[in-house]
Amino acid sequence: PALPSTPLVTHNANSRRFETQAADGSVAFLNYTIAGNRITFEHTFVPDNLRGKGVAGNLARAALIEARQHHWNVIPHCTYLAGFIKQHPEFADLLEPELQP
């Protein structure tokens, strides 16, 4: 049997968010604001039916990879994203310099 695929994370720049859609149409997202070379991640939202399936982690990873590609300094106002960076120190260098450990 095939393994369930990880839903694709897309960057919806018009809505200023990274998002993924489940088969049932529900959408999870991580929204942000950008000022200069700083991206502030504001909030991660995952609908109840998608929780506990790694969706928030997929959103965080995709957003941080894109931040690295664009050389954005990350400000994690979102507590989930801040915790994700602590658990995945390979992304700590993306933090705004005064926020780096």
C-alpha atoms as a PDB file:
ATOM      1  CA  PRO A   1       0.000   0.000   0.000  1.00  0.00           C
ATOM      2  CA  ALA A   2       1.154   3.527  -0.774  1.00  0.00           C
ATOM      3  CA  LEU A   3       2.076   5.798   2.079  1.00  0.00           C
ATOM      4  CA  PRO A   4      -0.135   8.850   2.512  1.00  0.00           C
ATOM      5  CA  SER A   5       1.528  11.802   0.846  1.00  0.00           C
ATOM      6  CA  THR A   6       2.456  14.940   2.708  1.00  0.00           C
ATOM      7  CA  PRO A   7       0.176  17.764   1.569  1.00  0.00           C
ATOM      8  CA  LEU A   8       2.006  20.320  -0.528  1.00  0.00           C
ATOM      9  CA  VAL A   9       2.818  23.612   1.193  1.00  0.00           C
ATOM     10  CA  THR A  10       2.388  26.628  -1.059  1.00  0.00           C
ATOM     11  CA  HIS A  11       3.449  30.221  -0.542  1.00  0.00           C
ATOM     12  CA  ASN A  12       0.434  32.448  -1.110  1.00  0.00           C
ATOM     13  CA  ALA A  13       2.237  35.796  -1.301  1.00  0.00           C
ATOM     14  CA  ASN A  14      -0.995  37.712  -1.994  1.00  0.00           C
ATOM     15  CA  SER A  15      -2.429  36.517   1.326  1.00  0.00           C
ATOM     16  CA  ARG A  16       0.987  36.682   3.063  1.00  0.00           C
ATOM     17  CA  ARG A  17       0.867  33.109   4.241  1.00  0.00           C
ATOM     18  CA  PHE A  18       2.181  29.627   3.691  1.00  0.00           C
ATOM     19  CA  GLU A  19      -0.688  27.187   3.390  1.00  0.00           C
ATOM     20  CA  THR A  20      -1.627  23.588   2.804  1.00  0.00           C
ATOM     21  CA  GLN A  21      -5.001  22.138   1.923  1.00  0.00           C
ATOM     22  CA  ALA A  22      -6.311  18.757   3.034  1.00  0.00           C
ATOM     23  CA  ALA A  23      -8.339  16.442   0.817  1.00  0.00           C
ATOM     24  CA  ASP A  24     -11.524  17.629   2.547  1.00  0.00           C
ATOM     25  CA  GLY A  25     -10.785  21.248   1.609  1.00  0.00           C
ATOM     26  CA  SER A  26      -9.743  22.436   5.063  1.00  0.00           C
ATOM     27  CA  VAL A  27      -6.755  24.785   5.038  1.00  0.00           C
ATOM     28  CA  ALA A  28      -3.893  25.154   7.503  1.00  0.00           C
ATOM     29  CA  PHE A  29      -1.652  28.201   7.297  1.00  0.00           C
ATOM     30  CA  LEU A  30       1.238  30.179   8.749  1.00  0.00           C
ATOM     31  CA  ASN A  31       0.818  33.895   8.169  1.00  0.00           C
ATOM     32  CA  TYR A  32       3.488  36.590   8.180  1.00  0.00           C
ATOM     33  CA  THR A  33       4.397  40.204   7.524  1.00  0.00           C
ATOM     34  CA  ILE A  34       7.515  41.404   5.728  1.00  0.00           C
ATOM     35  CA  ALA A  35       9.392  44.656   6.262  1.00  0.00           C
ATOM     36  CA  GLY A  36      12.648  45.004   4.355  1.00  0.00           C
ATOM     37  CA  ASN A  37      14.645  41.819   4.876  1.00  0.00           C
ATOM     38  CA  ARG A  38      12.685  40.806   7.998  1.00  0.00           C
ATOM     39  CA  ILE A  39       9.860  38.308   7.987  1.00  0.00           C
ATOM     40  CA  THR A  40       7.709  38.155  11.095  1.00  0.00           C
ATOM     41  CA  PHE A  41       5.770  34.916  11.439  1.00  0.00           C
ATOM     42  CA  GLU A  42       2.564  35.872  13.223  1.00  0.00           C
ATOM     43  CA  HIS A  43       0.366  32.809  13.654  1.00  0.00           C
ATOM     44  CA  THR A  44       0.060  29.145  12.733  1.00  0.00           C
ATOM     45  CA  PHE A  45      -3.463  27.801  12.309  1.00  0.00           C
ATOM     46  CA  VAL A  46      -4.261  24.112  11.851  1.00  0.00           C
ATOM     47  CA  PRO A  47      -7.918  22.970  11.796  1.00  0.00           C
ATOM     48  CA  ASP A  48      -8.872  20.376  14.407  1.00  0.00           C
ATOM     49  CA  ASN A  49      -9.166  17.587  11.814  1.00  0.00           C
ATOM     50  CA  LEU A  50      -5.526  18.087  10.738  1.00  0.00           C
ATOM     51  CA  ARG A  51      -3.925  18.418  14.173  1.00  0.00           C
ATOM     52  CA  GLY A  52      -1.377  15.868  15.307  1.00  0.00           C
ATOM     53  CA  LYS A  53      -0.407  14.944  11.740  1.00  0.00           C
ATOM     54  CA  GLY A  54       2.734  17.065  11.337  1.00  0.00           C
ATOM     55  CA  VAL A  55       0.963  19.753   9.330  1.00  0.00           C
ATOM     56  CA  ALA A  56       2.241  22.681  11.422  1.00  0.00           C
ATOM     57  CA  GLY A  57       5.784  21.312  11.199  1.00  0.00           C
ATOM     58  CA  ASN A  58       5.510  21.043   7.420  1.00  0.00           C
ATOM     59  CA  LEU A  59       4.331  24.657   7.242  1.00  0.00           C
ATOM     60  CA  ALA A  60       7.155  25.839   9.512  1.00  0.00           C
ATOM     61  CA  ARG A  61       9.843  23.931   7.591  1.00  0.00           C
ATOM     62  CA  ALA A  62       8.636  25.194   4.187  1.00  0.00           C
ATOM     63  CA  ALA A  63       8.428  28.789   5.434  1.00  0.00           C
ATOM     64  CA  LEU A  64      11.907  28.672   6.976  1.00  0.00           C
ATOM     65  CA  ILE A  65      13.432  27.114   3.854  1.00  0.00           C
ATOM     66  CA  GLU A  66      11.945  29.931   1.788  1.00  0.00           C
ATOM     67  CA  ALA A  67      13.184  32.501   4.321  1.00  0.00           C
ATOM     68  CA  ARG A  68      16.688  31.079   3.854  1.00  0.00           C
ATOM     69  CA  GLN A  69      16.393  31.269   0.061  1.00  0.00           C
ATOM     70  CA  HIS A  70      15.384  34.943   0.253  1.00  0.00           C
ATOM     71  CA  HIS A  71      17.938  35.841   2.982  1.00  0.00           C
ATOM     72  CA  TRP A  72      15.156  37.038   5.275  1.00  0.00           C
ATOM     73  CA  ASN A  73      15.808  37.496   9.004  1.00  0.00           C
ATOM     74  CA  VAL A  74      13.123  35.648  10.955  1.00  0.00           C
ATOM     75  CA  ILE A  75      11.147  37.090  13.856  1.00  0.00           C
ATOM     76  CA  PRO A  76       8.994  34.294  15.360  1.00  0.00           C
ATOM     77  CA  HIS A  77       6.039  36.013  17.061  1.00  0.00           C
ATOM     78  CA  CYS A  78       4.221  32.718  16.569  1.00  0.00           C
ATOM     79  CA  THR A  79       4.930  30.522  19.596  1.00  0.00           C
ATOM     80  CA  TYR A  80       4.713  27.355  17.499  1.00  0.00           C
ATOM     81  CA  LEU A  81       7.352  28.603  15.075  1.00  0.00           C
ATOM     82  CA  ALA A  82       9.607  29.753  17.925  1.00  0.00           C
ATOM     83  CA  GLY A  83       9.383  26.271  19.448  1.00  0.00           C
ATOM     84  CA  PHE A  84      10.010  24.642  16.069  1.00  0.00           C
ATOM     85  CA  ILE A  85      13.239  26.625  15.659  1.00  0.00           C
ATOM     86  CA  LYS A  86      14.359  25.581  19.171  1.00  0.00           C
ATOM     87  CA  GLN A  87      13.725  21.927  18.264  1.00  0.00           C
ATOM     88  CA  HIS A  88      15.433  22.324  14.865  1.00  0.00           C
ATOM     89  CA  PRO A  89      18.590  24.365  15.549  1.00  0.00           C
ATOM     90  CA  GLU A  90      19.590  24.138  11.875  1.00  0.00           C
ATOM     91  CA  PHE A  91      17.198  27.080  11.410  1.00  0.00           C
ATOM     92  CA  ALA A  92      18.493  29.200  14.341  1.00  0.00           C
ATOM     93  CA  ASP A  93      20.845  31.155  12.063  1.00  0.00           C
ATOM     94  CA  LEU A  94      17.775  32.608  10.325  1.00  0.00           C
ATOM     95  CA  LEU A  95      16.652  34.433  13.462  1.00  0.00           C
ATOM     96  CA  GLU A  96      16.980  38.195  13.565  1.00  0.00           C
ATOM     97  CA  PRO A  97      20.553  38.672  14.939  1.00  0.00           C
ATOM     98  CA  GLU A  98      19.499  39.953  18.383  1.00  0.00           C
ATOM     99  CA  LEU A  99      17.207  36.920  18.783  1.00  0.00           C
ATOM    100  CA  GLN A 100      19.862  34.290  18.012  1.00  0.00           C
ATOM    101  CA  PRO A 101      20.849  31.990  20.873  1.00  0.00           C
END
